[in-house]
């Protein structure tokens, strides 16, 4: 499954549980955050000041 920038964080975690480790490594404590159910990967990267392309590469590798 390819992760896209429009996917919600909660959706990514449900469909690809191994993504939790990667998100945490990038400093995103999204696993227990209520916003993860409404926030896209692109929005979360922006909030955390992360490079979206780098994050997506890590999640899709």
PDB file of N, CA and C in Angstrom:
ATOM      1  N   UNK A   1       0.828  -1.171   0.000  1.00  0.00           N
ATOM      2  CA  UNK A   1       0.000   0.000   0.000  1.00  0.00           C
ATOM      3  C   UNK A   1       0.881   1.246   0.000  1.00  0.00           C
ATOM      4  N   UNK A   2       0.629   2.127  -0.941  1.00  0.00           N
ATOM      5  CA  UNK A   2       1.400   3.369  -0.990  1.00  0.00           C
ATOM      6  C   UNK A   2       0.718   4.433  -0.140  1.00  0.00           C
ATOM      7  N   UNK A   3       1.502   5.107   0.659  1.00  0.00           N
ATOM      8  CA  UNK A   3       1.007   6.190   1.495  1.00  0.00           C
ATOM      9  C   UNK A   3       1.090   7.482   0.703  1.00  0.00           C
ATOM     10  N   UNK A   4      -0.012   8.245   0.734  1.00  0.00           N
ATOM     11  CA  UNK A   4      -0.063   9.523   0.023  1.00  0.00           C
ATOM     12  C   UNK A   4      -0.214  10.659   1.027  1.00  0.00           C
ATOM     13  N   UNK A   5       0.058  11.866   0.583  1.00  0.00           N
ATOM     14  CA  UNK A   5       0.022  13.033   1.471  1.00  0.00           C
ATOM     15  C   UNK A   5      -1.384  13.359   1.961  1.00  0.00           C
ATOM     16  N   UNK A   6      -2.418  12.896   1.253  1.00  0.00           N
ATOM     17  CA  UNK A   6      -3.804  13.195   1.635  1.00  0.00           C
ATOM     18  C   UNK A   6      -4.355  12.235   2.682  1.00  0.00           C
ATOM     19  N   UNK A   7      -3.659  11.127   2.922  1.00  0.00           N
ATOM     20  CA  UNK A   7      -4.155  10.125   3.870  1.00  0.00           C
ATOM     21  C   UNK A   7      -4.125  10.685   5.284  1.00  0.00           C
ATOM     22  N   UNK A   8      -5.149  10.322   6.061  1.00  0.00           N
ATOM     23  CA  UNK A   8      -5.184  10.724   7.461  1.00  0.00           C
ATOM     24  C   UNK A   8      -4.184   9.885   8.252  1.00  0.00           C
ATOM     25  N   UNK A   9      -3.595  10.501   9.266  1.00  0.00           N
ATOM     26  CA  UNK A   9      -2.609   9.795  10.093  1.00  0.00           C
ATOM     27  C   UNK A   9      -3.224   8.525  10.681  1.00  0.00           C
ATOM     28  N   UNK A  10      -4.441   8.622  11.199  1.00  0.00           N
ATOM     29  CA  UNK A  10      -5.110   7.450  11.769  1.00  0.00           C
ATOM     30  C   UNK A  10      -5.279   6.330  10.759  1.00  0.00           C
ATOM     31  N   UNK A  11      -5.585   6.691   9.523  1.00  0.00           N
ATOM     32  CA  UNK A  11      -5.746   5.713   8.444  1.00  0.00           C
ATOM     33  C   UNK A  11      -4.411   5.026   8.141  1.00  0.00           C
ATOM     34  N   UNK A  12      -3.345   5.811   8.101  1.00  0.00           N
ATOM     35  CA  UNK A  12      -2.006   5.254   7.847  1.00  0.00           C
ATOM     36  C   UNK A  12      -1.651   4.243   8.930  1.00  0.00           C
ATOM     37  N   UNK A  13      -1.891   4.610  10.178  1.00  0.00           N
ATOM     38  CA  UNK A  13      -1.557   3.734  11.309  1.00  0.00           C
ATOM     39  C   UNK A  13      -2.378   2.447  11.255  1.00  0.00           C
ATOM     40  N   UNK A  14      -3.663   2.555  10.913  1.00  0.00           N
ATOM     41  CA  UNK A  14      -4.518   1.347  10.829  1.00  0.00           C
ATOM     42  C   UNK A  14      -4.094   0.433   9.692  1.00  0.00           C
ATOM     43  N   UNK A  15      -3.797   1.008   8.531  1.00  0.00           N
ATOM     44  CA  UNK A  15      -3.492   0.190   7.356  1.00  0.00           C
ATOM     45  C   UNK A  15      -2.055  -0.295   7.310  1.00  0.00           C
ATOM     46  N   UNK A  16      -1.164   0.450   7.988  1.00  0.00           N
ATOM     47  CA  UNK A  16       0.254   0.096   7.956  1.00  0.00           C
ATOM     48  C   UNK A  16       0.847   0.328   9.353  1.00  0.00           C
ATOM     49  N   UNK A  17       0.555  -0.576  10.293  1.00  0.00           N
ATOM     50  CA  UNK A  17       0.975  -0.382  11.685  1.00  0.00           C
ATOM     51  C   UNK A  17       2.477  -0.160  11.863  1.00  0.00           C
ATOM     52  N   UNK A  18       3.281  -0.677  10.942  1.00  0.00           N
ATOM     53  CA  UNK A  18       4.729  -0.481  11.056  1.00  0.00           C
ATOM     54  C   UNK A  18       5.120   0.987  10.848  1.00  0.00           C
ATOM     55  N   UNK A  19       4.189   1.793  10.377  1.00  0.00           N
ATOM     56  CA  UNK A  19       4.464   3.219  10.184  1.00  0.00           C
ATOM     57  C   UNK A  19       4.606   3.960  11.507  1.00  0.00           C
ATOM     58  N   UNK A  20       4.073   3.397  12.586  1.00  0.00           N
ATOM     59  CA  UNK A  20       4.151   4.039  13.900  1.00  0.00           C
ATOM     60  C   UNK A  20       5.603   4.327  14.270  1.00  0.00           C
ATOM     61  N   UNK A  21       6.464   3.349  14.090  1.00  0.00           N
ATOM     62  CA  UNK A  21       7.886   3.516  14.421  1.00  0.00           C
ATOM     63  C   UNK A  21       8.510   4.657  13.608  1.00  0.00           C
ATOM     64  N   UNK A  22       8.173   4.737  12.344  1.00  0.00           N
ATOM     65  CA  UNK A  22       8.731   5.781  11.475  1.00  0.00           C
ATOM     66  C   UNK A  22       8.216   7.154  11.905  1.00  0.00           C
ATOM     67  N   UNK A  23       6.916   7.263  12.152  1.00  0.00           N
ATOM     68  CA  UNK A  23       6.347   8.535  12.600  1.00  0.00           C
ATOM     69  C   UNK A  23       7.004   8.993  13.899  1.00  0.00           C
ATOM     70  N   UNK A  24       7.192   8.082  14.824  1.00  0.00           N
ATOM     71  CA  UNK A  24       7.825   8.409  16.109  1.00  0.00           C
ATOM     72  C   UNK A  24       9.269   8.856  15.896  1.00  0.00           C
ATOM     73  N   UNK A  25       9.967   8.210  14.988  1.00  0.00           N
ATOM     74  CA  UNK A  25      11.361   8.578  14.699  1.00  0.00           C
ATOM     75  C   UNK A  25      11.452  10.011  14.171  1.00  0.00           C
ATOM     76  N   UNK A  26      10.420  10.448  13.476  1.00  0.00           N
ATOM     77  CA  UNK A  26      10.381  11.809  12.938  1.00  0.00           C
ATOM     78  C   UNK A  26       9.854  12.810  13.973  1.00  0.00           C
ATOM     79  N   UNK A  27       9.580  12.335  15.191  1.00  0.00           N
ATOM     80  CA  UNK A  27       9.124  13.231  16.248  1.00  0.00           C
ATOM     81  C   UNK A  27       7.630  13.475  16.249  1.00  0.00           C
ATOM     82  N   UNK A  28       6.912  12.609  15.579  1.00  0.00           N
ATOM     83  CA  UNK A  28       5.455  12.752  15.517  1.00  0.00           C
ATOM     84  C   UNK A  28       4.819  11.751  16.474  1.00  0.00           C
ATOM     85  N   UNK A  29       4.346  12.241  17.597  1.00  0.00           N
ATOM     86  CA  UNK A  29       3.693  11.369  18.570  1.00  0.00           C
ATOM     87  C   UNK A  29       2.228  11.166  18.212  1.00  0.00           C
ATOM     88  N   UNK A  30       1.966  10.916  16.952  1.00  0.00           N
ATOM     89  CA  UNK A  30       0.600  10.870  16.415  1.00  0.00           C
ATOM     90  C   UNK A  30      -0.200   9.668  16.882  1.00  0.00           C
ATOM     91  N   UNK A  31       0.460   8.685  17.400  1.00  0.00           N
ATOM     92  CA  UNK A  31      -0.212   7.428  17.695  1.00  0.00           C
ATOM     93  C   UNK A  31      -1.402   7.633  18.622  1.00  0.00           C
ATOM     94  N   UNK A  32      -1.234   8.410  19.681  1.00  0.00           N
ATOM     95  CA  UNK A  32      -2.329   8.597  20.630  1.00  0.00           C
ATOM     96  C   UNK A  32      -3.013   9.943  20.511  1.00  0.00           C
ATOM     97  N   UNK A  33      -2.681  10.715  19.523  1.00  0.00           N
ATOM     98  CA  UNK A  33      -3.217  12.071  19.391  1.00  0.00           C
ATOM     99  C   UNK A  33      -4.602  12.050  18.749  1.00  0.00           C
ATOM    100  N   UNK A  34      -5.585  12.689  19.380  1.00  0.00           N
ATOM    101  CA  UNK A  34      -6.925  12.727  18.781  1.00  0.00           C
ATOM    102  C   UNK A  34      -6.939  13.377  17.396  1.00  0.00           C
ATOM    103  N   UNK A  35      -6.042  14.318  17.156  1.00  0.00           N
ATOM    104  CA  UNK A  35      -5.991  14.994  15.854  1.00  0.00           C
ATOM    105  C   UNK A  35      -5.633  14.024  14.730  1.00  0.00           C
ATOM    106  N   UNK A  36      -5.032  12.890  15.059  1.00  0.00           N
ATOM    107  CA  UNK A  36      -4.610  11.941  14.023  1.00  0.00           C
ATOM    108  C   UNK A  36      -5.787  11.398  13.222  1.00  0.00           C
ATOM    109  N   UNK A  37      -6.985  11.477  13.776  1.00  0.00           N
ATOM    110  CA  UNK A  37      -8.161  10.978  13.079  1.00  0.00           C
ATOM    111  C   UNK A  37      -8.695  11.975  12.050  1.00  0.00           C
ATOM    112  N   UNK A  38      -8.204  13.229  12.125  1.00  0.00           N
ATOM    113  CA  UNK A  38      -8.722  14.270  11.234  1.00  0.00           C
ATOM    114  C   UNK A  38      -7.628  14.970  10.441  1.00  0.00           C
ATOM    115  N   UNK A  39      -6.369  14.645  10.725  1.00  0.00           N
ATOM    116  CA  UNK A  39      -5.252  15.370  10.134  1.00  0.00           C
ATOM    117  C   UNK A  39      -4.564  14.529   9.058  1.00  0.00           C
ATOM    118  N   UNK A  40      -4.349  15.131   7.906  1.00  0.00           N
ATOM    119  CA  UNK A  40      -3.662  14.418   6.829  1.00  0.00           C
ATOM    120  C   UNK A  40      -2.160  14.390   7.109  1.00  0.00           C
ATOM    121  N   UNK A  41      -1.470  13.533   6.398  1.00  0.00           N
ATOM    122  CA  UNK A  41      -0.019  13.453   6.535  1.00  0.00           C
ATOM    123  C   UNK A  41       0.609  14.794   6.182  1.00  0.00           C
ATOM    124  N   UNK A  42       0.101  15.435   5.138  1.00  0.00           N
ATOM    125  CA  UNK A  42       0.629  16.734   4.717  1.00  0.00           C
ATOM    126  C   UNK A  42       0.441  17.787   5.811  1.00  0.00           C
ATOM    127  N   UNK A  43      -0.743  17.818   6.412  1.00  0.00           N
ATOM    128  CA  UNK A  43      -1.015  18.780   7.486  1.00  0.00           C
ATOM    129  C   UNK A  43      -0.133  18.510   8.704  1.00  0.00           C
ATOM    130  N   UNK A  44       0.015  17.244   9.067  1.00  0.00           N
ATOM    131  CA  UNK A  44       0.828  16.886  10.228  1.00  0.00           C
ATOM    132  C   UNK A  44       2.294  17.245   9.997  1.00  0.00           C
ATOM    133  N   UNK A  45       2.794  17.010   8.792  1.00  0.00           N
ATOM    134  CA  UNK A  45       4.186  17.361   8.482  1.00  0.00           C
ATOM    135  C   UNK A  45       4.386  18.869   8.613  1.00  0.00           C
ATOM    136  N   UNK A  46       3.413  19.633   8.146  1.00  0.00           N
ATOM    137  CA  UNK A  46       3.512  21.086   8.219  1.00  0.00           C
ATOM    138  C   UNK A  46       3.502  21.552   9.680  1.00  0.00           C
ATOM    139  N   UNK A  47       2.615  21.005  10.489  1.00  0.00           N
ATOM    140  CA  UNK A  47       2.517  21.365  11.902  1.00  0.00           C
ATOM    141  C   UNK A  47       3.824  21.065  12.635  1.00  0.00           C
ATOM    142  N   UNK A  48       4.456  19.952  12.273  1.00  0.00           N
ATOM    143  CA  UNK A  48       5.688  19.534  12.942  1.00  0.00           C
ATOM    144  C   UNK A  48       6.946  20.084  12.272  1.00  0.00           C
ATOM    145  N   UNK A  49       6.782  20.850  11.205  1.00  0.00           N
ATOM    146  CA  UNK A  49       7.933  21.450  10.527  1.00  0.00           C
ATOM    147  C   UNK A  49       8.814  20.427   9.826  1.00  0.00           C
ATOM    148  N   UNK A  50       8.192  19.389   9.280  1.00  0.00           N
ATOM    149  CA  UNK A  50       8.947  18.316   8.619  1.00  0.00           C
ATOM    150  C   UNK A  50       8.845  18.435   7.106  1.00  0.00           C
ATOM    151  N   UNK A  51       9.846  17.926   6.430  1.00  0.00           N
ATOM    152  CA  UNK A  51       9.822  17.871   4.973  1.00  0.00           C
ATOM    153  C   UNK A  51       8.922  16.708   4.557  1.00  0.00           C
ATOM    154  N   UNK A  52       7.840  17.023   3.874  1.00  0.00           N
ATOM    155  CA  UNK A  52       6.847  16.016   3.504  1.00  0.00           C
ATOM    156  C   UNK A  52       7.441  14.926   2.617  1.00  0.00           C
ATOM    157  N   UNK A  53       8.252  15.301   1.645  1.00  0.00           N
ATOM    158  CA  UNK A  53       8.828  14.300   0.738  1.00  0.00           C
ATOM    159  C   UNK A  53       9.729  13.315   1.468  1.00  0.00           C
ATOM    160  N   UNK A  54      10.521  13.803   2.401  1.00  0.00           N
ATOM    161  CA  UNK A  54      11.409  12.926   3.187  1.00  0.00           C
ATOM    162  C   UNK A  54      10.587  11.960   4.029  1.00  0.00           C
ATOM    163  N   UNK A  55       9.540  12.478   4.657  1.00  0.00           N
ATOM    164  CA  UNK A  55       8.667  11.648   5.477  1.00  0.00           C
ATOM    165  C   UNK A  55       7.968  10.591   4.634  1.00  0.00           C
ATOM    166  N   UNK A  56       7.439  10.986   3.501  1.00  0.00           N
ATOM    167  CA  UNK A  56       6.762  10.028   2.622  1.00  0.00           C
ATOM    168  C   UNK A  56       7.713   8.971   2.094  1.00  0.00           C
ATOM    169  N   UNK A  57       8.928   9.354   1.776  1.00  0.00           N
ATOM    170  CA  UNK A  57       9.930   8.367   1.330  1.00  0.00           C
ATOM    171  C   UNK A  57      10.170   7.326   2.404  1.00  0.00           C
ATOM    172  N   UNK A  58      10.294   7.776   3.648  1.00  0.00           N
ATOM    173  CA  UNK A  58      10.543   6.856   4.761  1.00  0.00           C
ATOM    174  C   UNK A  58       9.337   5.926   4.971  1.00  0.00           C
ATOM    175  N   UNK A  59       8.146   6.477   4.893  1.00  0.00           N
ATOM    176  CA  UNK A  59       6.943   5.664   5.117  1.00  0.00           C
ATOM    177  C   UNK A  59       6.692   4.667   3.984  1.00  0.00           C
ATOM    178  N   UNK A  60       7.109   5.002   2.766  1.00  0.00           N
ATOM    179  CA  UNK A  60       6.861   4.129   1.626  1.00  0.00           C
ATOM    180  C   UNK A  60       8.035   3.204   1.292  1.00  0.00           C
ATOM    181  N   UNK A  61       9.108   3.287   2.056  1.00  0.00           N
ATOM    182  CA  UNK A  61      10.262   2.409   1.743  1.00  0.00           C
ATOM    183  C   UNK A  61      10.115   1.050   2.395  1.00  0.00           C
TER     184      UNK A  61
END
